[in-house]
PDB file of N, CA and C in Angstrom:
ATOM      1  N   MET A   1     109.792 110.789  95.208  1.00  0.00           N
ATOM      2  CA  MET A   1     109.480 110.214  96.493  1.00  0.00           C
ATOM      3  C   MET A   1     108.532 111.106  97.285  1.00  0.00           C
ATOM      4  N   GLU A   2     108.548 112.375  97.009  1.00  0.00           N
ATOM      5  CA  GLU A   2     107.702 113.302  97.758  1.00  0.00           C
ATOM      6  C   GLU A   2     106.221 113.045  97.490  1.00  0.00           C
ATOM      7  N   TRP A   3     105.896 112.628  96.274  1.00  0.00           N
ATOM      8  CA  TRP A   3     104.490 112.397  95.944  1.00  0.00           C
ATOM      9  C   TRP A   3     103.913 111.226  96.724  1.00  0.00           C
ATOM     10  N   ILE A   4     104.765 110.255  97.081  1.00  0.00           N
ATOM     11  CA  ILE A   4     104.300 109.128  97.886  1.00  0.00           C
ATOM     12  C   ILE A   4     103.880 109.612  99.269  1.00  0.00           C
ATOM     13  N   LEU A   5     104.715 110.429  99.879  1.00  0.00           N
ATOM     14  CA  LEU A   5     104.414 110.966 101.201  1.00  0.00           C
ATOM     15  C   LEU A   5     103.178 111.852 101.164  1.00  0.00           C
ATOM     16  N   GLN A   6     103.063 112.691 100.144  1.00  0.00           N
ATOM     17  CA  GLN A   6     101.893 113.560 100.029  1.00  0.00           C
ATOM     18  C   GLN A   6     100.617 112.746  99.861  1.00  0.00           C
ATOM     19  N   THR A   7     100.675 111.686  99.069  1.00  0.00           N
ATOM     20  CA  THR A   7      99.503 110.833  98.872  1.00  0.00           C
ATOM     21  C   THR A   7      99.119 110.129 100.164  1.00  0.00           C
ATOM     22  N   LEU A   8     100.106 109.606 100.888  1.00  0.00           N
ATOM     23  CA  LEU A   8      99.819 108.940 102.153  1.00  0.00           C
ATOM     24  C   LEU A   8      99.242 109.908 103.174  1.00  0.00           C
ATOM     25  N   MET A   9      99.762 111.120 103.223  1.00  0.00           N
ATOM     26  CA  MET A   9      99.250 112.101 104.173  1.00  0.00           C
ATOM     27  C   MET A   9      97.842 112.556 103.801  1.00  0.00           C
ATOM     28  N   MET A  10      97.540 112.637 102.506  1.00  0.00           N
ATOM     29  CA  MET A  10      96.171 112.967 102.097  1.00  0.00           C
ATOM     30  C   MET A  10      95.216 111.855 102.497  1.00  0.00           C
ATOM     31  N   MET A  11      95.644 110.601 102.306  1.00  0.00           N
ATOM     32  CA  MET A  11      94.816 109.476 102.716  1.00  0.00           C
ATOM     33  C   MET A  11      94.645 109.469 104.234  1.00  0.00           C
ATOM     34  N   GLY A  12      95.701 109.787 104.938  1.00  0.00           N
ATOM     35  CA  GLY A  12      95.631 109.864 106.398  1.00  0.00           C
ATOM     36  C   GLY A  12      94.719 110.975 106.875  1.00  0.00           C
ATOM     37  N   ALA A  13      94.724 112.092 106.170  1.00  0.00           N
ATOM     38  CA  ALA A  13      93.857 113.209 106.544  1.00  0.00           C
ATOM     39  C   ALA A  13      92.388 112.848 106.340  1.00  0.00           C
ATOM     40  N   LYS A  14      92.089 112.158 105.245  1.00  0.00           N
ATOM     41  CA  LYS A  14      90.704 111.739 105.000  1.00  0.00           C
ATOM     42  C   LYS A  14      90.237 110.774 106.085  1.00  0.00           C
ATOM     43  N   ALA A  15      91.099 109.812 106.434  1.00  0.00           N
ATOM     44  CA  ALA A  15      90.723 108.832 107.458  1.00  0.00           C
ATOM     45  C   ALA A  15      90.650 109.483 108.839  1.00  0.00           C
ATOM     46  N   ALA A  16      91.557 110.395 109.139  1.00  0.00           N
ATOM     47  CA  ALA A  16      91.554 111.049 110.446  1.00  0.00           C
ATOM     48  C   ALA A  16      90.349 111.965 110.610  1.00  0.00           C
ATOM     49  N   SER A  17      89.874 112.551 109.520  1.00  0.00           N
ATOM     50  CA  SER A  17      88.727 113.449 109.625  1.00  0.00           C
ATOM     51  C   SER A  17      87.445 112.695 109.964  1.00  0.00           C
ATOM     52  N   ILE A  18      87.428 111.378 109.781  1.00  0.00           N
ATOM     53  CA  ILE A  18      86.281 110.574 110.200  1.00  0.00           C
ATOM     54  C   ILE A  18      86.205 110.537 111.721  1.00  0.00           C
ATOM     55  N   PHE A  19      87.353 110.452 112.384  1.00  0.00           N
ATOM     56  CA  PHE A  19      87.400 110.308 113.828  1.00  0.00           C
ATOM     57  C   PHE A  19      87.578 111.619 114.577  1.00  0.00           C
ATOM     58  N   LEU A  20      88.161 112.615 113.934  1.00  0.00           N
ATOM     59  CA  LEU A  20      88.570 113.835 114.619  1.00  0.00           C
ATOM     60  C   LEU A  20      88.276 115.036 113.751  1.00  0.00           C
ATOM     61  N   HIS A  21      87.953 116.155 114.380  1.00  0.00           N
ATOM     62  CA  HIS A  21      87.743 117.395 113.632  1.00  0.00           C
ATOM     63  C   HIS A  21      89.101 117.956 113.222  1.00  0.00           C
ATOM     64  N   PRO A  22      89.216 118.466 111.984  1.00  0.00           N
ATOM     65  CA  PRO A  22      90.527 118.966 111.519  1.00  0.00           C
ATOM     66  C   PRO A  22      91.107 120.109 112.346  1.00  0.00           C
ATOM     67  N   ASP A  23      90.298 120.803 113.137  1.00  0.00           N
ATOM     68  CA  ASP A  23      90.814 121.886 113.980  1.00  0.00           C
ATOM     69  C   ASP A  23      91.335 121.388 115.317  1.00  0.00           C
ATOM     70  N   SER A  24      91.202 120.099 115.570  1.00  0.00           N
ATOM     71  CA  SER A  24      91.657 119.529 116.831  1.00  0.00           C
ATOM     72  C   SER A  24      93.179 119.615 116.929  1.00  0.00           C
ATOM     73  N   PRO A  25      93.702 119.826 118.147  1.00  0.00           N
ATOM     74  CA  PRO A  25      95.166 119.938 118.281  1.00  0.00           C
ATOM     75  C   PRO A  25      95.915 118.631 117.984  1.00  0.00           C
ATOM     76  N   ASN A  26      95.250 117.495 118.088  1.00  0.00           N
ATOM     77  CA  ASN A  26      95.911 116.205 117.844  1.00  0.00           C
ATOM     78  C   ASN A  26      95.699 115.694 116.427  1.00  0.00           C
ATOM     79  N   PHE A  27      95.165 116.509 115.542  1.00  0.00           N
ATOM     80  CA  PHE A  27      94.823 116.033 114.206  1.00  0.00           C
ATOM     81  C   PHE A  27      96.046 115.556 113.440  1.00  0.00           C
ATOM     82  N   GLU A  28      97.162 116.259 113.548  1.00  0.00           N
ATOM     83  CA  GLU A  28      98.365 115.863 112.809  1.00  0.00           C
ATOM     84  C   GLU A  28      98.901 114.526 113.288  1.00  0.00           C
ATOM     85  N   VAL A  29      98.781 114.263 114.585  1.00  0.00           N
ATOM     86  CA  VAL A  29      99.251 112.987 115.131  1.00  0.00           C
ATOM     87  C   VAL A  29      98.403 111.842 114.587  1.00  0.00           C
ATOM     88  N   VAL A  30      97.083 112.030 114.629  1.00  0.00           N
ATOM     89  CA  VAL A  30      96.182 110.993 114.128  1.00  0.00           C
ATOM     90  C   VAL A  30      96.346 110.841 112.616  1.00  0.00           C
ATOM     91  N   GLN A  31      96.570 111.943 111.919  1.00  0.00           N
ATOM     92  CA  GLN A  31      96.800 111.892 110.477  1.00  0.00           C
ATOM     93  C   GLN A  31      98.045 111.067 110.169  1.00  0.00           C
ATOM     94  N   GLY A  32      99.091 111.259 110.918  1.00  0.00           N
ATOM     95  CA  GLY A  32     100.318 110.476 110.725  1.00  0.00           C
ATOM     96  C   GLY A  32     100.108 109.002 111.002  1.00  0.00           C
ATOM     97  N   MET A  33      99.354 108.700 112.062  1.00  0.00           N
ATOM     98  CA  MET A  33      99.074 107.288 112.361  1.00  0.00           C
ATOM     99  C   MET A  33      98.246 106.643 111.258  1.00  0.00           C
ATOM    100  N   MET A  34      97.281 107.365 110.738  1.00  0.00           N
ATOM    101  CA  MET A  34      96.457 106.831 109.654  1.00  0.00           C
ATOM    102  C   MET A  34      97.283 106.656 108.377  1.00  0.00           C
ATOM    103  N   ALA A  35      98.238 107.554 108.145  1.00  0.00           N
ATOM    104  CA  ALA A  35      99.111 107.413 106.979  1.00  0.00           C
ATOM    105  C   ALA A  35      99.986 106.166 107.104  1.00  0.00           C
ATOM    106  N   ILE A  36     100.458 105.888 108.315  1.00  0.00           N
ATOM    107  CA  ILE A  36     101.256 104.680 108.540  1.00  0.00           C
ATOM    108  C   ILE A  36     100.395 103.437 108.335  1.00  0.00           C
ATOM    109  N   LEU A  37      99.152 103.470 108.813  1.00  0.00           N
ATOM    110  CA  LEU A  37      98.244 102.350 108.586  1.00  0.00           C
ATOM    111  C   LEU A  37      97.951 102.162 107.101  1.00  0.00           C
ATOM    112  N   ALA A  38      97.802 103.261 106.373  1.00  0.00           N
ATOM    113  CA  ALA A  38      97.565 103.168 104.931  1.00  0.00           C
ATOM    114  C   ALA A  38      98.774 102.557 104.231  1.00  0.00           C
ATOM    115  N   LEU A  39      99.971 102.941 104.646  1.00  0.00           N
ATOM    116  CA  LEU A  39     101.183 102.365 104.068  1.00  0.00           C
ATOM    117  C   LEU A  39     101.261 100.870 104.354  1.00  0.00           C
ATOM    118  N   GLY A  40     100.951 100.478 105.580  1.00  0.00           N
ATOM    119  CA  GLY A  40     100.954  99.062 105.920  1.00  0.00           C
ATOM    120  C   GLY A  40      99.922  98.276 105.117  1.00  0.00           C
ATOM    121  N   GLY A  41      98.743  98.849 104.937  1.00  0.00           N
ATOM    122  CA  GLY A  41      97.721  98.194 104.128  1.00  0.00           C
ATOM    123  C   GLY A  41      98.133  98.066 102.682  1.00  0.00           C
ATOM    124  N   LEU A  42      98.785  99.078 102.170  1.00  0.00           N
ATOM    125  CA  LEU A  42      99.267  99.042 100.794  1.00  0.00           C
ATOM    126  C   LEU A  42     100.334  97.965 100.610  1.00  0.00           C
ATOM    127  N   VAL A  43     101.223  97.851 101.570  1.00  0.00           N
ATOM    128  CA  VAL A  43     102.258  96.813 101.508  1.00  0.00           C
ATOM    129  C   VAL A  43     101.620  95.423 101.566  1.00  0.00           C
ATOM    130  N   LEU A  44     100.614  95.255 102.425  1.00  0.00           N
ATOM    131  CA  LEU A  44      99.923  93.965 102.500  1.00  0.00           C
ATOM    132  C   LEU A  44      99.215  93.629 101.194  1.00  0.00           C
ATOM    133  N   LEU A  45      98.565  94.611 100.595  1.00  0.00           N
ATOM    134  CA  LEU A  45      97.897  94.370  99.317  1.00  0.00           C
ATOM    135  C   LEU A  45      98.883  93.943  98.238  1.00  0.00           C
ATOM    136  N   ILE A  46     100.019  94.613  98.174  1.00  0.00           N
ATOM    137  CA  ILE A  46     101.029  94.265  97.183  1.00  0.00           C
ATOM    138  C   ILE A  46     101.602  92.873  97.469  1.00  0.00           C
ATOM    139  N   THR A  47     101.818  92.582  98.750  1.00  0.00           N
ATOM    140  CA  THR A  47     102.355  91.274  99.126  1.00  0.00           C
ATOM    141  C   THR A  47     101.413  90.149  98.723  1.00  0.00           C
ATOM    142  N   PHE A  48     100.143  90.300  99.017  1.00  0.00           N
ATOM    143  CA  PHE A  48      99.180  89.245  98.688  1.00  0.00           C
ATOM    144  C   PHE A  48      98.907  89.175  97.189  1.00  0.00           C
ATOM    145  N   ALA A  49      99.082  90.262  96.486  1.00  0.00           N
ATOM    146  CA  ALA A  49      98.839  90.247  95.052  1.00  0.00           C
ATOM    147  C   ALA A  49      99.929  89.479  94.301  1.00  0.00           C
ATOM    148  N   PHE A  50     101.163  89.521  94.795  1.00  0.00           N
ATOM    149  CA  PHE A  50     102.273  88.909  94.084  1.00  0.00           C
ATOM    150  C   PHE A  50     102.805  87.643  94.739  1.00  0.00           C
ATOM    151  N   ARG A  51     102.081  87.076  95.694  1.00  0.00           N
ATOM    152  CA  ARG A  51     102.565  85.847  96.313  1.00  0.00           C
ATOM    153  C   ARG A  51     102.327  84.663  95.374  1.00  0.00           C
ATOM    154  N   LYS A  52     103.148  83.652  95.561  1.00  0.00           N
ATOM    155  CA  LYS A  52     103.010  82.444  94.739  1.00  0.00           C
ATOM    156  C   LYS A  52     102.005  81.512  95.408  1.00  0.00           C
ATOM    157  N   LYS A  53     101.148  80.943  94.610  1.00  0.00           N
ATOM    158  CA  LYS A  53     100.113  80.064  95.163  1.00  0.00           C
ATOM    159  C   LYS A  53     100.483  78.615  95.035  1.00  0.00           C
TER     160      LYS A  53
END
């Protein structure tokens, strides 16, 4: 389970670095928000991939 969190946080860090400099004091907060958005997007992708038509 730890690898899931690490992957999401890495994705969040990449997305947060687009908007914020990594030395910024709020970087971890934005990184966490981006990780949550990535998780939500992943859930949506899985949901739409396996829905019945």
